[in-house]
Amino acid sequence: MFTETSDAFGDVKMPLQERVVDKLADMLFASDMILDMLHDERSFKYAGHLTSVEPSVRRVYDQINELMKQLTD
């Protein structure tokens, strides 16, 4: 019996640029979620010390967003 599987990097049938953009979108979404968590008042009282990572996460978000614009324009 033959079962089709995909590799850990996504569907290899997709063009490389689409796969790269897809993974960048995952990273953009994750960094946006982190920023939201850092601004959530309920989380802040338990982990306010994590606000020190916000500038780095913001830079990552902005850089990924720029890369996606370059690859999709």
C-alpha atoms as a PDB file:
ATOM      1  CA  MET A   1       0.000   0.000   0.000  1.00  0.00           C
ATOM      2  CA  PHE A   2       1.383   3.414  -1.001  1.00  0.00           C
ATOM      3  CA  THR A   3       0.738   6.393   1.243  1.00  0.00           C
ATOM      4  CA  GLU A   4       1.648   9.875   0.057  1.00  0.00           C
ATOM      5  CA  THR A   5       3.430  11.922   2.683  1.00  0.00           C
ATOM      6  CA  SER A   6       4.869  15.407   2.723  1.00  0.00           C
ATOM      7  CA  ASP A   7       8.170  16.483   4.175  1.00  0.00           C
ATOM      8  CA  ALA A   8       8.597  18.572   7.305  1.00  0.00           C
ATOM      9  CA  PHE A   9       8.962  21.729   5.219  1.00  0.00           C
ATOM     10  CA  GLY A  10       5.552  21.566   3.626  1.00  0.00           C
ATOM     11  CA  ASP A  11       4.215  20.332   0.372  1.00  0.00           C
ATOM     12  CA  VAL A  12       7.177  19.985  -1.963  1.00  0.00           C
ATOM     13  CA  LYS A  13       4.838  20.300  -4.922  1.00  0.00           C
ATOM     14  CA  MET A  14       4.396  23.990  -4.145  1.00  0.00           C
ATOM     15  CA  PRO A  15       6.913  26.368  -5.729  1.00  0.00           C
ATOM     16  CA  LEU A  16       9.756  27.326  -3.412  1.00  0.00           C
ATOM     17  CA  GLN A  17       8.696  30.982  -3.232  1.00  0.00           C
ATOM     18  CA  GLU A  18       5.191  29.990  -2.107  1.00  0.00           C
ATOM     19  CA  ARG A  19       6.610  27.706   0.567  1.00  0.00           C
ATOM     20  CA  VAL A  20       8.928  30.465   1.821  1.00  0.00           C
ATOM     21  CA  VAL A  21       6.095  33.008   1.909  1.00  0.00           C
ATOM     22  CA  ASP A  22       3.886  30.491   3.718  1.00  0.00           C
ATOM     23  CA  LYS A  23       6.482  29.954   6.447  1.00  0.00           C
ATOM     24  CA  LEU A  24       7.101  33.692   6.731  1.00  0.00           C
ATOM     25  CA  ALA A  25       3.352  34.137   7.192  1.00  0.00           C
ATOM     26  CA  ASP A  26       3.481  31.610  10.050  1.00  0.00           C
ATOM     27  CA  MET A  27       6.307  33.582  11.651  1.00  0.00           C
ATOM     28  CA  LEU A  28       4.471  36.871  11.156  1.00  0.00           C
ATOM     29  CA  PHE A  29       1.345  35.439  12.764  1.00  0.00           C
ATOM     30  CA  ALA A  30       3.332  34.038  15.694  1.00  0.00           C
ATOM     31  CA  SER A  31       5.164  37.309  16.331  1.00  0.00           C
ATOM     32  CA  ASP A  32       1.861  39.191  16.174  1.00  0.00           C
ATOM     33  CA  MET A  33       0.407  36.791  18.747  1.00  0.00           C
ATOM     34  CA  ILE A  34       3.413  37.375  21.025  1.00  0.00           C
ATOM     35  CA  LEU A  35       2.924  41.141  20.791  1.00  0.00           C
ATOM     36  CA  ASP A  36      -0.762  40.710  21.640  1.00  0.00           C
ATOM     37  CA  MET A  37       0.106  38.527  24.624  1.00  0.00           C
ATOM     38  CA  LEU A  38       2.567  41.116  25.892  1.00  0.00           C
ATOM     39  CA  HIS A  39      -0.145  43.782  25.756  1.00  0.00           C
ATOM     40  CA  ASP A  40      -2.825  41.644  27.403  1.00  0.00           C
ATOM     41  CA  GLU A  41      -3.451  43.106  30.847  1.00  0.00           C
ATOM     42  CA  ARG A  42      -4.222  39.694  32.327  1.00  0.00           C
ATOM     43  CA  SER A  43      -0.812  38.366  31.265  1.00  0.00           C
ATOM     44  CA  PHE A  44       1.020  41.537  32.223  1.00  0.00           C
ATOM     45  CA  LYS A  45       0.475  41.134  35.944  1.00  0.00           C
ATOM     46  CA  TYR A  46       2.005  37.638  35.851  1.00  0.00           C
ATOM     47  CA  ALA A  47       4.788  38.214  33.350  1.00  0.00           C
ATOM     48  CA  GLY A  48       5.437  41.934  33.154  1.00  0.00           C
ATOM     49  CA  HIS A  49       9.159  41.223  32.996  1.00  0.00           C
ATOM     50  CA  LEU A  50       8.643  39.821  29.489  1.00  0.00           C
ATOM     51  CA  THR A  51       7.931  43.285  28.111  1.00  0.00           C
ATOM     52  CA  SER A  52      11.687  43.614  27.639  1.00  0.00           C
ATOM     53  CA  VAL A  53      11.417  41.285  24.623  1.00  0.00           C
ATOM     54  CA  GLU A  54       8.837  43.482  22.891  1.00  0.00           C
ATOM     55  CA  PRO A  55      11.324  45.618  20.886  1.00  0.00           C
ATOM     56  CA  SER A  56      13.004  42.492  19.515  1.00  0.00           C
ATOM     57  CA  VAL A  57       9.713  40.849  18.629  1.00  0.00           C
ATOM     58  CA  ARG A  58       8.543  44.084  16.984  1.00  0.00           C
ATOM     59  CA  ARG A  59      11.739  44.148  14.863  1.00  0.00           C
ATOM     60  CA  VAL A  60      11.206  40.530  13.837  1.00  0.00           C
ATOM     61  CA  TYR A  61       7.604  41.321  12.890  1.00  0.00           C
ATOM     62  CA  ASP A  62       8.635  44.356  10.824  1.00  0.00           C
ATOM     63  CA  GLN A  63      11.470  42.509   9.069  1.00  0.00           C
ATOM     64  CA  ILE A  64       9.273  39.553   8.164  1.00  0.00           C
ATOM     65  CA  ASN A  65       6.574  41.892   6.929  1.00  0.00           C
ATOM     66  CA  GLU A  66       9.108  43.637   4.662  1.00  0.00           C
ATOM     67  CA  LEU A  67      10.387  40.321   3.323  1.00  0.00           C
ATOM     68  CA  MET A  68       6.857  39.217   2.505  1.00  0.00           C
ATOM     69  CA  LYS A  69       6.193  42.471   0.664  1.00  0.00           C
ATOM     70  CA  GLN A  70       9.356  41.965  -1.393  1.00  0.00           C
ATOM     71  CA  LEU A  71       8.464  38.388  -2.260  1.00  0.00           C
ATOM     72  CA  THR A  72       4.840  39.027  -3.129  1.00  0.00           C
ATOM     73  CA  ASP A  73       5.087  42.276  -5.105  1.00  0.00           C
END
